[in-house]
C-alpha atoms as a PDB file:
ATOM      1  CA  MET A   1      74.765 110.613  49.276  1.00  0.00           C
ATOM      2  CA  LEU A   2      73.037 113.902  48.410  1.00  0.00           C
ATOM      3  CA  TYR A   3      70.657 112.113  46.104  1.00  0.00           C
ATOM      4  CA  ILE A   4      69.498 110.074  49.087  1.00  0.00           C
ATOM      5  CA  THR A   5      69.373 113.026  51.494  1.00  0.00           C
ATOM      6  CA  ILE A   6      67.410 115.376  49.228  1.00  0.00           C
ATOM      7  CA  PRO A   7      64.459 113.005  48.697  1.00  0.00           C
ATOM      8  CA  GLY A   8      64.686 112.006  52.343  1.00  0.00           C
ATOM      9  CA  CYS A   9      63.971 115.638  53.229  1.00  0.00           C
ATOM     10  CA  GLY A  10      60.922 115.758  50.983  1.00  0.00           C
ATOM     11  CA  TYR A  11      62.475 117.397  47.906  1.00  0.00           C
ATOM     12  CA  ARG A  12      63.079 116.453  44.296  1.00  0.00           C
ATOM     13  CA  LEU A  13      66.415 117.411  42.730  1.00  0.00           C
ATOM     14  CA  LEU A  14      65.872 119.437  39.557  1.00  0.00           C
ATOM     15  CA  ASP A  15      69.452 120.428  38.788  1.00  0.00           C
ATOM     16  CA  HIS A  16      72.786 121.310  40.348  1.00  0.00           C
ATOM     17  CA  PHE A  17      76.046 123.050  39.471  1.00  0.00           C
ATOM     18  CA  THR A  18      79.446 123.621  41.012  1.00  0.00           C
ATOM     19  CA  LEU A  19      80.750 127.145  41.506  1.00  0.00           C
ATOM     20  CA  PRO A  20      83.980 127.871  39.643  1.00  0.00           C
ATOM     21  CA  GLU A  21      87.012 128.190  41.913  1.00  0.00           C
ATOM     22  CA  ASP A  22      87.712 131.789  40.876  1.00  0.00           C
ATOM     23  CA  THR A  23      84.275 132.868  42.137  1.00  0.00           C
ATOM     24  CA  TRP A  24      85.471 132.400  45.690  1.00  0.00           C
ATOM     25  CA  TRP A  25      88.618 134.448  45.068  1.00  0.00           C
ATOM     26  CA  VAL A  26      87.142 137.305  43.070  1.00  0.00           C
ATOM     27  CA  GLU A  27      83.816 137.680  44.859  1.00  0.00           C
ATOM     28  CA  TYR A  28      84.721 136.744  48.425  1.00  0.00           C
ATOM     29  CA  TYR A  29      88.293 136.120  49.515  1.00  0.00           C
ATOM     30  CA  GLU A  30      90.053 138.993  47.715  1.00  0.00           C
ATOM     31  CA  PRO A  31      87.641 141.653  49.080  1.00  0.00           C
ATOM     32  CA  LEU A  32      87.802 139.993  52.499  1.00  0.00           C
ATOM     33  CA  GLN A  33      91.606 140.058  52.428  1.00  0.00           C
ATOM     34  CA  GLU A  34      91.588 143.756  51.533  1.00  0.00           C
ATOM     35  CA  ARG A  35      89.219 144.529  54.401  1.00  0.00           C
ATOM     36  CA  ILE A  36      91.251 142.496  56.890  1.00  0.00           C
ATOM     37  CA  ASP A  37      94.384 144.376  55.853  1.00  0.00           C
ATOM     38  CA  GLN A  38      92.607 147.712  56.364  1.00  0.00           C
ATOM     39  CA  LEU A  39      91.220 146.714  59.751  1.00  0.00           C
ATOM     40  CA  ARG A  40      94.613 145.477  60.939  1.00  0.00           C
ATOM     41  CA  GLN A  41      95.874 149.039  60.531  1.00  0.00           C
ATOM     42  CA  THR A  42      92.808 150.571  62.164  1.00  0.00           C
ATOM     43  CA  TYR A  43      92.963 148.227  65.169  1.00  0.00           C
ATOM     44  CA  ARG A  44      96.714 147.721  65.356  1.00  0.00           C
ATOM     45  CA  HIS A  45      96.674 148.524  69.105  1.00  0.00           C
ATOM     46  CA  ASN A  46      93.646 146.368  69.928  1.00  0.00           C
ATOM     47  CA  ASP A  47      94.709 142.787  70.682  1.00  0.00           C
ATOM     48  CA  GLU A  48      91.129 141.470  70.820  1.00  0.00           C
ATOM     49  CA  ALA A  49      90.278 142.876  67.384  1.00  0.00           C
ATOM     50  CA  LEU A  50      93.548 141.578  65.942  1.00  0.00           C
ATOM     51  CA  ALA A  51      92.767 138.100  67.282  1.00  0.00           C
ATOM     52  CA  GLU A  52      89.389 138.145  65.490  1.00  0.00           C
ATOM     53  CA  LEU A  53      91.060 139.285  62.285  1.00  0.00           C
ATOM     54  CA  ALA A  54      93.581 136.449  62.636  1.00  0.00           C
ATOM     55  CA  ASN A  55      90.662 133.986  62.761  1.00  0.00           C
ATOM     56  CA  GLU A  56      89.303 135.401  59.517  1.00  0.00           C
ATOM     57  CA  GLN A  57      92.766 135.291  57.960  1.00  0.00           C
ATOM     58  CA  GLN A  58      93.019 131.620  58.870  1.00  0.00           C
ATOM     59  CA  GLU A  59      89.965 130.853  56.713  1.00  0.00           C
ATOM     60  CA  ILE A  60      91.586 132.539  53.712  1.00  0.00           C
ATOM     61  CA  ASP A  61      94.869 130.743  54.310  1.00  0.00           C
ATOM     62  CA  LEU A  62      93.154 127.350  54.613  1.00  0.00           C
ATOM     63  CA  TYR A  63      91.226 127.889  51.404  1.00  0.00           C
ATOM     64  CA  ARG A  64      94.399 128.958  49.602  1.00  0.00           C
ATOM     65  CA  LYS A  65      96.191 125.818  50.795  1.00  0.00           C
ATOM     66  CA  TYR A  66      93.387 123.271  50.332  1.00  0.00           C
ATOM     67  CA  GLN A  67      91.176 124.715  47.591  1.00  0.00           C
ATOM     68  CA  ARG A  68      91.678 121.650  45.396  1.00  0.00           C
ATOM     69  CA  TRP A  69      89.979 119.455  47.999  1.00  0.00           C
ATOM     70  CA  TYR A  70      86.706 121.267  48.482  1.00  0.00           C
ATOM     71  CA  GLY A  71      84.286 123.611  46.782  1.00  0.00           C
ATOM     72  CA  SER A  72      80.683 124.733  46.674  1.00  0.00           C
ATOM     73  CA  ALA A  73      77.678 123.557  44.753  1.00  0.00           C
ATOM     74  CA  PHE A  74      74.141 124.843  44.315  1.00  0.00           C
ATOM     75  CA  PHE A  75      71.161 122.526  44.169  1.00  0.00           C
ATOM     76  CA  LEU A  76      67.816 123.444  42.629  1.00  0.00           C
ATOM     77  CA  MET A  77      65.088 121.501  44.398  1.00  0.00           C
ATOM     78  CA  GLN A  78      61.326 121.327  44.414  1.00  0.00           C
ATOM     79  CA  LYS A  79      59.119 120.311  47.303  1.00  0.00           C
ATOM     80  CA  ALA A  80      57.879 116.804  46.523  1.00  0.00           C
END
């Protein structure tokens, strides 16, 4: 599908690679989890802030549960 979409947008695919699963944990989700935990303490009496933090927590929880079913890839393209 992507090989059809990329040329259809006027690009030529030069290369692509998939990010390793641990990149998401080490570089994104673990620091995010730490920050959420800190902010929960800071805003423990603010229901609106806690609701926003719960939304962010849901993303982490969904990735933890379903990480085998999705991932991220980078595509190197050149304008045709």
